[in-house]
Structure formats: C-alpha cells, structure tokens
Amino acid sequence: MRSSSTGRTSTITSIFGVWALFLAFSFLQVGNGLQRVLLAVRGDHEGFGASAMGVIMAAHFAGYLLGAKLIPVMLGSVGHIRVFAALASSSSAAVLINAVLVTTPSWSFVYLVSGLCNAGVFVVLESWLNDRATNETRGSILGVYMMIMMGGTAGGQALLNLGSPDAFELFVLSSVLISLAVVPVTLSASTSPPMPSDDKMPLRELYRTIPTAVVGIILCSYVQSAATSMAAVFGTQSGMSSARITVFTSAAVVGAVLLQIPLGSLSDRYPRRAVILSVTTVACGLAVAGAITPVTSVVLIGINMAFGAFVFPLYGQFVALANDWVPPQKRIGAASALVLASSFGAMAAPISIGIAVESFGPEAYFWSLAVSLGLLALYLSYRIRVRQAVPVHRQSPFQPIFARSGEIAHSVGRWARHPLAEWNHHLYQHNCEVDERHPSLKTESADEAS
C-alpha cells in the first residue's frame, strides 16, 4: 500500500514538474484547433470551393512532412528553446497573414509554413517531455499529453462561436493563443533535452517486412486526416451553421479518446489483424450511415462521434502490428517510416475529398471515407488469408497514439517492450552517481559483500 501511494505521489509530482510544457501545448492545440475550423468557415464565406479548401488543408500536412526533415537540422544549429520560440512566433504570425491575404495561393503557402512550424514545436515539446519522464511516470505523462492534444483541439473549435468568422477578432485570438505558448517554455526550460533519434528504416524495407502495416497506415491516415481537416468543409458545404459545425467536428475528436484503450486491449488479446478488420468494417458501416443520414438530423452528430471512436485507434493498432514483425533494433526507424507513410495519406485526403465534394455534393465526404475503409477491409481480408499471423503471446503491446505522434509516444513503446532493462539502466546510473558523490559508501558496501 505504501509503495502504491508513493508511486502515485511520484507520478503527480512528475506531471506538475512539466506543467509549463503542458500549458504551452494547451495554448498551441487550442489556437490551432480554432484556426483549422475558422479557415474552413471563412473560406466558404469568401467563395472558396471544396477543392480549393482541400488544397489548403493538404498544404498543412505537407508542412509537417517538410518539418520532419528540416527541424533536426535547426535543433542542431541553435538549440531547442530558440527553435521553439522562432517557430511558435512564425506560426502565430501566419494566422494573422491569413486574415489579411484571403486567397487560395496565399492561404496554401502560409498554411504550409504553419504546418512546418507546428511540426517543429511538437518535436521540441515532445523531446522535453520525454527527457523529463521517468520509467514509472512515462505512461501517465503520455496520457495527459494525449488528453491535451484532443481536448485542446475540441476546445479550440468551440471558440469559433465567440465571434464572426468574417471579422478579424478570431484570427487575432488564435494568434494570441499560439504566441502564449512561448512564455512558459522560455521561462521554465533551463536545459535542452537530447536530440531526437535519427534511426532510419527505408519505407521500402518496411513494406517488404510487413506490407499490411504500411498500406494500413496510409489508408487510416487518409481517413483520419479527412476527419480532422475536411469535416468542417463538409459542414459548410452542407449549409450547417457555425455552431453546428463546431459540434459536428468536435464530436469526432471526443469520440477519438473513447475507445482507444478498449480496442487496443482487444488487439493485444486476440489476433491483431482480425481485430483491425472488425474495427475497420464497423467504421466503414458508420461512414455509409453518415452518407445517408440527413444533415439536419441530430443523429449525424452521434454517428460522427462513433466514427471517430473507431477510426482514430487504427493508427496505434497498425503501429503495434508493425512492431509484431519488425526486429527490436529497427523499431525506432520503423516508426519514422510509418510517420512518412502517414504523411502521404494525410496529404492525399483533403485534395481528393475536396474534388469529390465539389463534383458530387457534400455527401461525397462520407462516401469517400467509406470507400477508403472498404478498400482497407478488403486488403486486410486478403493479407489474413495469404500470411499467417504472429501468435497472440508474441504480439507487441498496443499504445494509444495518433497520427504523426512523436518522441514521447514512441518512447513509451520502447519502455513497454523492455521495462526491466530500462529500469535496470536507470538504477545503474543512479548507483554510479551515488558512488561518485559518496565514495565511502562504495567501500562500505564492498566490505559488507566480502
């Protein structure tokens, strides 16, 4: 009982120890959540078509891809704090530029820069969190991180109701929130964390090892990207009010956290591909239900929440599936390759769905998602028949992470795979530090052992 109480106290203390990083992340997520839904609604009022908004949203994910290549170079040159301050300030300025220059090319370019900046600040934050976490508190810190990620996004979308999308004030509010993220980081972070891992595994090699994970990551990221970037466009094209759009888009985000652990536990206890196939099939059915449900029906809100609950756990399940087959020494490189594959799916979704909505109407949003999930289900059925599954007792543990999750999430995966080894490593380091500070203790211990 005493050790359990001590463990809880240690966890709470560790979480409070990184409160500044969590506060900065909260500001970022709320500001970015507001910006994403604000651009969709303002673009509709300005006469932007669904295909134009698709290009703009795709540019944001392209910025994430560029950021993954450029940010490590910047970190090595000037350090984490300066990179964070520069990128957060640039992202904040980008929001204001979007309020002044309202054209498809300018929004696309600025949102690409915004995506690059967001990728950078997330790398910095996650590196710090990972460095501050211990073996005992890593899982709890990840849980708080994920709650802030989804809760901040939903909260930011709700802020759309505070003003008119056609005015300047909401853009200013989004910019201010992103700027505020700089304050706690620059005032509290005294030392820089280690550089993110640069382990590599070519995407082609990963595909040869476990093609189901690569194809699955691309298709599930396609659907998740659409659910986060094009849901608001679907709402505007369907004639929803701003208030209803925020409820509709937030429903999927709220649903995203409901079944992460239950579905992940099922994929640990039963053949993983069979569980993923079942989840994909249910999500496909929900997409069909969304396509045929009237937009004015409140049932559509519930369908979108259930859709998010089944779709968003798929990314973590495919990561776990990849880890079932990839050798332990290559799993970090495999995680980077999966992020790359995820980016391709995320970029393709807004463009293709934007064109489909503009050509066939708003219902093409859900039909496009249903087709993608149907193709994924067919592919999974084929792979289950042609390749034998990994035995359940050898499956890697599921971890509740989302698309493009970074260092803190994958470090939990490393800890879950080798908890005793990492604990021993920390214990060895601690003993070495004690010996250096108190050499007499080392001599006494040796005498007792003899």
Protein backbone atom coordinates (compact mmCIF):
# COMPACT_ATOMS: atom_id res chain seq x y z
CA MET A 1 0.00 0.00 0.00
CA ARG A 2 2.82 2.37 0.89
CA SER A 3 4.67 1.75 -2.40
CA SER A 4 1.44 2.30 -4.36
CA SER A 5 0.88 5.62 -2.59
CA THR A 6 4.49 6.59 -3.20
CA GLY A 7 4.12 5.72 -6.91
CA ARG A 8 1.02 7.90 -7.24
CA THR A 9 2.78 10.76 -5.45
CA SER A 10 5.78 10.40 -7.77
CA THR A 11 3.53 10.47 -10.82
CA ILE A 12 1.65 13.56 -9.67
CA THR A 13 4.93 15.29 -8.81
CA SER A 14 6.35 14.48 -12.24
CA ILE A 15 3.27 15.81 -14.02
CA PHE A 16 3.41 19.03 -12.03
CA GLY A 17 7.10 19.19 -12.85
CA VAL A 18 6.29 19.58 -16.55
CA TRP A 19 3.24 21.82 -16.09
CA ALA A 20 4.85 24.57 -18.17
CA LEU A 21 5.27 22.25 -21.14
CA PHE A 22 1.68 21.04 -20.83
CA LEU A 23 0.48 24.65 -20.59
CA ALA A 24 2.39 25.57 -23.74
CA PHE A 25 0.97 22.54 -25.54
CA SER A 26 -2.55 23.52 -24.43
CA PHE A 27 -2.18 27.01 -25.91
CA LEU A 28 -0.89 25.53 -29.17
CA GLN A 29 -3.68 22.98 -29.52
CA VAL A 30 -6.47 25.43 -28.72
CA GLY A 31 -5.05 28.04 -31.12
CA ASN A 32 -4.53 25.51 -33.91
CA GLY A 33 -7.95 23.93 -33.34
CA LEU A 34 -9.61 27.31 -33.72
CA GLN A 35 -7.55 28.13 -36.81
CA ARG A 36 -8.44 24.89 -38.60
CA VAL A 37 -12.23 25.29 -38.31
CA LEU A 38 -12.01 29.07 -38.79
CA LEU A 39 -10.28 28.73 -42.16
CA ALA A 40 -12.92 26.32 -43.41
CA VAL A 41 -15.83 28.56 -42.43
CA ARG A 42 -14.18 31.79 -43.59
CA GLY A 43 -13.17 30.16 -46.86
CA ASP A 44 -16.77 29.18 -47.53
CA HIS A 45 -17.91 32.74 -46.88
CA GLU A 46 -15.22 34.01 -49.28
CA GLY A 47 -16.45 31.69 -52.03
CA PHE A 48 -13.65 29.11 -51.86
CA GLY A 49 -14.79 25.78 -53.27
CA ALA A 50 -14.30 22.45 -51.55
CA SER A 51 -11.40 21.56 -53.85
CA ALA A 52 -9.62 24.84 -53.03
CA MET A 53 -10.04 24.19 -49.30
CA GLY A 54 -8.73 20.67 -49.87
CA VAL A 55 -5.54 22.05 -51.38
CA ILE A 56 -5.13 24.44 -48.46
CA MET A 57 -5.58 21.68 -45.88
CA ALA A 58 -3.21 19.36 -47.78
CA ALA A 59 -0.55 22.09 -47.71
CA HIS A 60 -0.66 21.97 -43.91
CA PHE A 61 0.21 18.25 -43.87
CA ALA A 62 2.91 18.85 -46.48
CA GLY A 63 4.38 21.33 -43.99
CA TYR A 64 4.55 18.57 -41.39
CA LEU A 65 6.49 16.43 -43.85
CA LEU A 66 8.97 19.25 -44.57
CA GLY A 67 9.30 19.96 -40.86
CA ALA A 68 10.33 16.38 -40.16
CA LYS A 69 13.30 16.91 -42.49
CA LEU A 70 14.31 20.46 -41.54
CA ILE A 71 13.71 20.69 -37.79
CA PRO A 72 16.51 18.30 -36.69
CA VAL A 73 19.00 20.44 -38.62
CA MET A 74 17.72 23.59 -36.90
CA LEU A 75 17.87 21.98 -33.47
CA GLY A 76 21.49 21.02 -34.01
CA SER A 77 22.36 24.58 -35.03
CA VAL A 78 20.66 26.83 -32.45
CA GLY A 79 19.08 24.61 -29.81
CA HIS A 80 15.58 23.73 -28.64
CA ILE A 81 14.50 26.95 -26.91
CA ARG A 82 15.41 29.24 -29.79
CA VAL A 83 13.85 26.91 -32.35
CA PHE A 84 10.65 26.71 -30.32
CA ALA A 85 10.39 30.48 -29.89
CA ALA A 86 11.11 31.16 -33.57
CA LEU A 87 8.65 28.58 -34.89
CA ALA A 88 5.83 29.42 -32.48
CA SER A 89 6.19 33.13 -33.30
CA SER A 90 6.18 32.35 -37.03
CA SER A 91 3.09 30.17 -36.66
CA SER A 92 1.37 32.96 -34.75
CA ALA A 93 2.22 35.50 -37.47
CA ALA A 94 0.94 33.10 -40.15
CA VAL A 95 -2.55 33.20 -38.62
CA LEU A 96 -2.64 37.00 -38.94
CA ILE A 97 -1.42 36.86 -42.54
CA ASN A 98 -4.35 34.56 -43.36
CA ALA A 99 -6.71 37.23 -42.02
CA VAL A 100 -5.22 39.88 -44.33
CA LEU A 101 -4.44 37.94 -47.53
CA VAL A 102 -7.55 35.93 -48.33
CA THR A 103 -6.61 33.99 -51.48
CA THR A 104 -6.16 30.31 -52.19
CA PRO A 105 -2.42 30.58 -53.07
CA SER A 106 -1.58 32.72 -50.04
CA TRP A 107 -3.55 30.55 -47.64
CA SER A 108 -1.92 27.41 -49.08
CA PHE A 109 1.60 28.79 -48.70
CA VAL A 110 1.01 30.25 -45.25
CA TYR A 111 -0.70 27.08 -44.01
CA LEU A 112 2.24 25.06 -45.32
CA VAL A 113 4.58 27.25 -43.26
CA SER A 114 2.22 26.86 -40.32
CA GLY A 115 2.39 23.06 -40.66
CA LEU A 116 6.18 23.18 -40.73
CA CYS A 117 6.23 25.35 -37.61
CA ASN A 118 3.77 23.12 -35.78
CA ALA A 119 5.85 20.05 -36.60
CA GLY A 120 8.87 21.81 -35.09
CA VAL A 121 7.24 22.95 -31.87
CA PHE A 122 5.77 19.50 -31.33
CA VAL A 123 9.22 17.91 -31.77
CA VAL A 124 10.65 20.28 -29.18
CA LEU A 125 7.83 19.79 -26.68
CA GLU A 126 7.81 16.03 -27.04
CA SER A 127 11.58 15.84 -26.70
CA TRP A 128 11.39 17.79 -23.45
CA LEU A 129 8.54 15.70 -22.08
CA ASN A 130 10.35 12.50 -22.96
CA ASP A 131 13.53 13.74 -21.29
CA ARG A 132 11.69 14.74 -18.09
CA ALA A 133 9.71 11.49 -17.88
CA THR A 134 10.94 8.56 -15.80
CA ASN A 135 10.33 4.86 -16.26
CA GLU A 136 7.48 5.00 -13.73
CA THR A 137 5.77 8.17 -14.99
CA ARG A 138 6.17 7.87 -18.75
CA GLY A 139 2.77 6.30 -19.36
CA SER A 140 0.93 8.84 -17.21
CA ILE A 141 2.66 11.75 -18.94
CA LEU A 142 1.69 10.31 -22.32
CA GLY A 143 -1.93 10.03 -21.14
CA VAL A 144 -2.04 13.69 -20.11
CA TYR A 145 -0.34 14.64 -23.38
CA MET A 146 -2.98 12.82 -25.43
CA MET A 147 -5.85 14.33 -23.43
CA ILE A 148 -4.47 17.81 -24.03
CA MET A 149 -3.99 17.03 -27.72
CA MET A 150 -7.61 16.05 -28.29
CA GLY A 151 -9.22 18.26 -25.65
CA GLY A 152 -7.35 21.33 -26.85
CA THR A 153 -8.39 20.70 -30.44
CA ALA A 154 -12.05 20.31 -29.48
CA GLY A 155 -11.90 23.36 -27.22
CA GLY A 156 -10.31 25.47 -29.95
CA GLN A 157 -13.05 24.52 -32.40
CA ALA A 158 -15.69 25.57 -29.86
CA LEU A 159 -14.14 29.07 -29.73
CA LEU A 160 -15.49 29.67 -33.24
CA ASN A 161 -18.79 30.63 -31.59
CA LEU A 162 -17.21 33.61 -29.80
CA GLY A 163 -17.22 35.86 -32.86
CA SER A 164 -17.82 36.22 -36.58
CA PRO A 165 -15.54 34.22 -38.92
CA ASP A 166 -15.66 37.18 -41.32
CA ALA A 167 -14.12 39.53 -38.79
CA PHE A 168 -10.52 39.90 -37.63
CA GLU A 169 -11.02 39.07 -33.96
CA LEU A 170 -10.99 35.26 -34.14
CA PHE A 171 -7.78 35.28 -36.16
CA VAL A 172 -6.23 37.51 -33.51
CA LEU A 173 -7.43 35.18 -30.76
CA SER A 174 -5.86 32.17 -32.49
CA SER A 175 -2.61 34.10 -32.97
CA VAL A 176 -2.53 35.20 -29.32
CA LEU A 177 -3.07 31.65 -28.06
CA ILE A 178 -0.20 30.32 -30.16
CA SER A 179 2.05 33.19 -29.07
CA LEU A 180 1.31 32.49 -25.40
CA ALA A 181 2.87 29.04 -25.81
CA VAL A 182 6.28 30.72 -25.98
CA VAL A 183 6.02 32.19 -22.48
CA PRO A 184 6.04 29.08 -20.24
CA VAL A 185 8.68 27.32 -22.34
CA THR A 186 11.17 30.17 -22.46
CA LEU A 187 10.75 30.95 -18.75
CA SER A 188 10.93 27.42 -17.37
CA ALA A 189 13.07 25.22 -19.62
CA SER A 190 16.62 25.60 -18.35
CA THR A 191 18.33 22.72 -20.13
CA SER A 192 17.82 21.30 -23.58
CA PRO A 193 16.82 17.67 -23.99
CA PRO A 194 18.86 15.28 -26.12
CA MET A 195 18.39 15.35 -29.87
CA PRO A 196 15.59 13.18 -31.27
CA SER A 197 16.63 9.75 -32.50
CA ASP A 198 17.86 9.71 -36.11
CA ASP A 199 17.47 5.94 -36.59
CA LYS A 200 16.26 5.17 -40.12
CA MET A 201 14.48 2.31 -41.81
CA PRO A 202 13.66 2.74 -45.50
CA LEU A 203 9.95 2.65 -46.27
CA ARG A 204 10.60 0.03 -48.96
CA GLU A 205 12.24 -2.28 -46.42
CA LEU A 206 9.36 -1.82 -44.02
CA TYR A 207 6.88 -2.65 -46.79
CA ARG A 208 8.76 -5.85 -47.59
CA THR A 209 8.67 -6.79 -43.91
CA ILE A 210 5.02 -6.03 -43.14
CA PRO A 211 3.05 -4.59 -46.11
CA THR A 212 -0.22 -4.61 -44.15
CA ALA A 213 1.09 -2.01 -41.70
CA VAL A 214 2.30 0.34 -44.44
CA VAL A 215 -0.88 0.14 -46.53
CA GLY A 216 -2.98 0.35 -43.38
CA ILE A 217 -1.15 3.43 -42.08
CA ILE A 218 -1.61 5.21 -45.42
CA LEU A 219 -5.33 4.47 -45.64
CA CYS A 220 -6.17 5.08 -41.98
CA SER A 221 -4.18 8.35 -42.05
CA TYR A 222 -6.15 9.29 -45.16
CA VAL A 223 -9.38 8.84 -43.22
CA GLN A 224 -8.11 10.50 -40.03
CA SER A 225 -6.77 13.47 -41.98
CA ALA A 226 -10.14 13.91 -43.65
CA ALA A 227 -11.93 13.68 -40.31
CA THR A 228 -9.77 16.45 -38.82
CA SER A 229 -9.35 18.77 -41.83
CA MET A 230 -12.35 18.29 -44.13
CA ALA A 231 -15.17 17.71 -41.64
CA ALA A 232 -15.62 21.47 -41.28
CA VAL A 233 -15.63 21.83 -45.08
CA PHE A 234 -18.34 19.15 -45.24
CA GLY A 235 -20.29 21.21 -42.71
CA THR A 236 -20.01 24.46 -44.66
CA GLN A 237 -20.91 22.76 -47.95
CA SER A 238 -23.95 21.18 -46.27
CA GLY A 239 -25.22 24.53 -45.05
CA MET A 240 -24.58 23.96 -41.33
CA SER A 241 -24.42 26.95 -39.02
CA SER A 242 -21.11 27.79 -37.36
CA ALA A 243 -22.37 26.47 -34.02
CA ARG A 244 -23.45 23.16 -35.55
CA ILE A 245 -20.15 22.80 -37.40
CA THR A 246 -18.20 23.07 -34.15
CA VAL A 247 -20.40 20.43 -32.52
CA PHE A 248 -20.08 18.13 -35.55
CA THR A 249 -16.30 18.39 -35.82
CA SER A 250 -15.73 18.20 -32.06
CA ALA A 251 -17.83 15.03 -31.86
CA ALA A 252 -15.24 13.02 -33.80
CA VAL A 253 -12.42 14.41 -31.65
CA VAL A 254 -14.27 13.47 -28.45
CA GLY A 255 -15.03 10.04 -29.87
CA ALA A 256 -11.34 9.59 -30.65
CA VAL A 257 -10.49 9.08 -26.97
CA LEU A 258 -13.45 6.86 -26.02
CA LEU A 259 -12.34 3.51 -27.43
CA GLN A 260 -8.56 3.88 -27.65
CA ILE A 261 -7.83 1.64 -24.67
CA PRO A 262 -10.70 -0.89 -25.06
CA LEU A 263 -9.98 -1.55 -28.74
CA GLY A 264 -6.24 -1.56 -28.11
CA SER A 265 -6.69 -4.15 -25.37
CA LEU A 266 -8.71 -6.33 -27.72
CA SER A 267 -5.92 -6.17 -30.31
CA ASP A 268 -3.47 -7.35 -27.63
CA ARG A 269 -5.63 -10.29 -26.53
CA TYR A 270 -6.76 -11.57 -29.94
CA PRO A 271 -5.17 -11.88 -33.41
CA ARG A 272 -4.40 -8.25 -34.22
CA ARG A 273 -5.31 -8.23 -37.91
CA ALA A 274 -8.71 -9.78 -37.15
CA VAL A 275 -9.43 -7.04 -34.59
CA ILE A 276 -8.29 -4.32 -37.00
CA LEU A 277 -10.50 -5.82 -39.73
CA SER A 278 -13.51 -5.76 -37.40
CA VAL A 279 -12.84 -2.15 -36.35
CA THR A 280 -12.37 -1.10 -40.00
CA THR A 281 -15.60 -2.79 -41.04
CA VAL A 282 -17.59 -1.05 -38.31
CA ALA A 283 -16.04 2.31 -39.25
CA CYS A 284 -16.92 1.70 -42.91
CA GLY A 285 -20.52 1.00 -41.92
CA LEU A 286 -20.64 4.20 -39.87
CA ALA A 287 -19.32 6.18 -42.86
CA VAL A 288 -22.11 4.75 -45.02
CA ALA A 289 -24.61 5.66 -42.30
CA GLY A 290 -23.23 9.21 -42.27
CA ALA A 291 -23.61 9.48 -46.02
CA ILE A 292 -27.30 8.54 -46.00
CA THR A 293 -28.30 10.41 -42.81
CA PRO A 294 -29.87 13.84 -43.36
CA VAL A 295 -27.55 16.68 -42.43
CA THR A 296 -30.27 18.28 -40.32
CA SER A 297 -30.63 15.16 -38.14
CA VAL A 298 -29.05 15.17 -34.70
CA VAL A 299 -28.27 11.50 -35.31
CA LEU A 300 -25.45 12.61 -37.62
CA ILE A 301 -23.61 14.09 -34.64
CA GLY A 302 -23.74 10.75 -32.84
CA ILE A 303 -22.64 8.90 -35.96
CA ASN A 304 -19.62 11.18 -36.32
CA MET A 305 -18.69 10.62 -32.68
CA ALA A 306 -18.90 6.85 -33.10
CA PHE A 307 -16.95 7.15 -36.35
CA GLY A 308 -14.12 8.94 -34.57
CA ALA A 309 -14.17 6.35 -31.78
CA PHE A 310 -13.49 3.53 -34.24
CA VAL A 311 -11.25 5.30 -36.76
CA PHE A 312 -8.69 7.03 -34.55
CA PRO A 313 -7.45 3.92 -32.67
CA LEU A 314 -6.45 2.36 -36.01
CA TYR A 315 -3.14 4.25 -36.20
CA GLY A 316 -1.87 2.85 -32.89
CA GLN A 317 -3.07 -0.63 -33.88
CA PHE A 318 -1.14 -0.55 -37.15
CA VAL A 319 1.97 0.68 -35.31
CA ALA A 320 1.61 -2.28 -32.95
CA LEU A 321 1.14 -4.58 -35.96
CA ALA A 322 4.39 -3.30 -37.47
CA ASN A 323 6.19 -3.90 -34.17
CA ASP A 324 4.95 -7.51 -34.22
CA TRP A 325 7.13 -8.14 -37.28
CA VAL A 326 9.98 -5.61 -37.15
CA PRO A 327 13.15 -6.64 -35.24
CA PRO A 328 13.53 -4.75 -31.93
CA GLN A 329 16.69 -2.93 -33.03
CA LYS A 330 14.84 -1.46 -36.04
CA ARG A 331 11.57 -0.39 -34.41
CA ILE A 332 12.51 3.25 -33.92
CA GLY A 333 13.47 3.53 -37.59
CA ALA A 334 10.23 1.76 -38.50
CA ALA A 335 8.28 4.36 -36.51
CA SER A 336 9.86 7.13 -38.62
CA ALA A 337 8.98 5.27 -41.81
CA LEU A 338 5.38 4.92 -40.64
CA VAL A 339 5.18 8.66 -39.97
CA LEU A 340 6.38 9.22 -43.54
CA ALA A 341 3.74 6.86 -44.92
CA SER A 342 1.14 8.56 -42.74
CA SER A 343 2.04 11.95 -44.21
CA PHE A 344 1.39 10.72 -47.74
CA GLY A 345 -2.08 9.54 -46.80
CA ALA A 346 -2.79 12.74 -44.87
CA MET A 347 -1.82 14.96 -47.82
CA ALA A 348 -3.90 12.98 -50.34
CA ALA A 349 -7.13 13.09 -48.35
CA PRO A 350 -8.03 16.82 -48.41
CA ILE A 351 -7.30 17.17 -52.14
CA SER A 352 -9.22 14.11 -53.30
CA ILE A 353 -12.16 14.62 -50.96
CA GLY A 354 -12.34 18.31 -51.82
CA ILE A 355 -12.63 17.43 -55.51
CA ALA A 356 -15.23 14.75 -54.75
CA VAL A 357 -17.37 17.09 -52.64
CA GLU A 358 -17.23 19.79 -55.29
CA SER A 359 -18.14 17.32 -58.05
CA PHE A 360 -20.79 15.18 -56.36
CA GLY A 361 -22.01 17.15 -53.35
CA PRO A 362 -21.37 17.14 -49.58
CA GLU A 363 -22.41 13.50 -49.15
CA ALA A 364 -19.26 12.55 -51.13
CA TYR A 365 -17.31 13.30 -47.93
CA PHE A 366 -18.66 10.26 -46.11
CA TRP A 367 -18.81 8.14 -49.26
CA SER A 368 -15.08 8.79 -49.85
CA LEU A 369 -14.30 7.67 -46.31
CA ALA A 370 -16.48 4.58 -46.75
CA VAL A 371 -14.67 3.62 -49.98
CA SER A 372 -11.24 4.06 -48.35
CA LEU A 373 -12.21 1.95 -45.34
CA GLY A 374 -13.83 -0.64 -47.62
CA LEU A 375 -10.60 -0.97 -49.60
CA LEU A 376 -8.67 -1.33 -46.35
CA ALA A 377 -11.04 -4.06 -45.17
CA LEU A 378 -10.65 -5.96 -48.44
CA TYR A 379 -6.87 -5.69 -48.27
CA LEU A 380 -6.82 -6.90 -44.66
CA SER A 381 -9.01 -9.88 -45.60
CA TYR A 382 -6.58 -10.75 -48.38
CA ARG A 383 -3.49 -10.48 -46.17
CA ILE A 384 -5.09 -12.61 -43.44
CA ARG A 385 -5.55 -15.40 -46.00
CA VAL A 386 -2.07 -15.26 -47.56
CA ARG A 387 0.10 -14.78 -44.46
CA GLN A 388 -0.06 -16.46 -41.11
CA ALA A 389 -0.48 -14.17 -38.11
CA VAL A 390 2.02 -13.68 -35.30
CA PRO A 391 0.94 -15.74 -32.25
CA VAL A 392 -1.02 -13.66 -29.77
CA HIS A 393 1.53 -14.18 -26.98
CA ARG A 394 4.24 -12.66 -29.19
CA GLN A 395 2.29 -9.55 -30.18
CA SER A 396 3.68 -6.16 -29.17
CA PRO A 397 1.62 -4.11 -26.71
CA PHE A 398 -0.77 -1.50 -28.12
CA GLN A 399 -0.07 2.13 -27.27
CA PRO A 400 -2.72 4.86 -27.69
CA ILE A 401 -1.01 7.20 -30.15
CA PHE A 402 -2.33 9.31 -33.03
CA ALA A 403 -1.03 10.01 -36.50
CA ARG A 404 2.31 11.83 -36.53
CA SER A 405 2.80 11.27 -32.79
CA GLY A 406 6.42 11.87 -31.91
CA GLU A 407 9.20 11.04 -29.48
CA ILE A 408 7.18 10.88 -26.26
CA ALA A 409 4.70 8.36 -27.72
CA HIS A 410 7.30 6.08 -29.27
CA SER A 411 9.41 6.17 -26.12
CA VAL A 412 6.50 4.60 -24.27
CA GLY A 413 6.60 1.85 -26.84
CA ARG A 414 10.29 1.29 -26.14
CA TRP A 415 9.63 1.23 -22.40
CA ALA A 416 6.67 -1.18 -22.76
CA ARG A 417 8.83 -3.58 -24.77
CA HIS A 418 11.79 -3.52 -22.35
CA PRO A 419 10.58 -2.22 -18.95
CA LEU A 420 13.03 -4.25 -16.83
CA ALA A 421 16.03 -3.38 -18.97
CA GLU A 422 15.24 0.33 -18.85
CA TRP A 423 14.60 0.18 -15.09
CA ASN A 424 17.96 -1.52 -14.54
CA HIS A 425 19.64 1.12 -16.70
CA HIS A 426 18.18 3.92 -14.56
CA LEU A 427 19.13 2.07 -11.38
CA TYR A 428 22.70 1.57 -12.59
CA GLN A 429 23.03 5.28 -13.46
CA HIS A 430 21.65 6.22 -10.03
CA ASN A 431 24.13 3.93 -8.22
CA CYS A 432 27.03 5.34 -10.23
CA GLU A 433 26.03 8.87 -9.24
CA VAL A 434 25.81 7.85 -5.58
CA ASP A 435 29.26 6.22 -5.74
CA GLU A 436 30.76 9.35 -7.26
CA ARG A 437 29.29 11.62 -4.59
CA HIS A 438 29.95 9.25 -1.65
CA PRO A 439 32.97 7.00 -2.34
CA SER A 440 32.98 5.84 1.32
CA LEU A 441 29.57 4.18 0.78
CA LYS A 442 31.02 2.21 -2.10
CA THR A 443 33.88 0.94 0.13
CA GLU A 444 31.50 0.03 2.95
CA SER A 445 29.24 -1.87 0.54
CA ALA A 446 32.21 -3.81 -0.79
CA ASP A 447 33.31 -4.72 2.77
CA GLU A 448 29.82 -5.95 3.63
CA ALA A 449 29.70 -8.05 0.47
CA SER A 450 33.03 -9.70 1.34
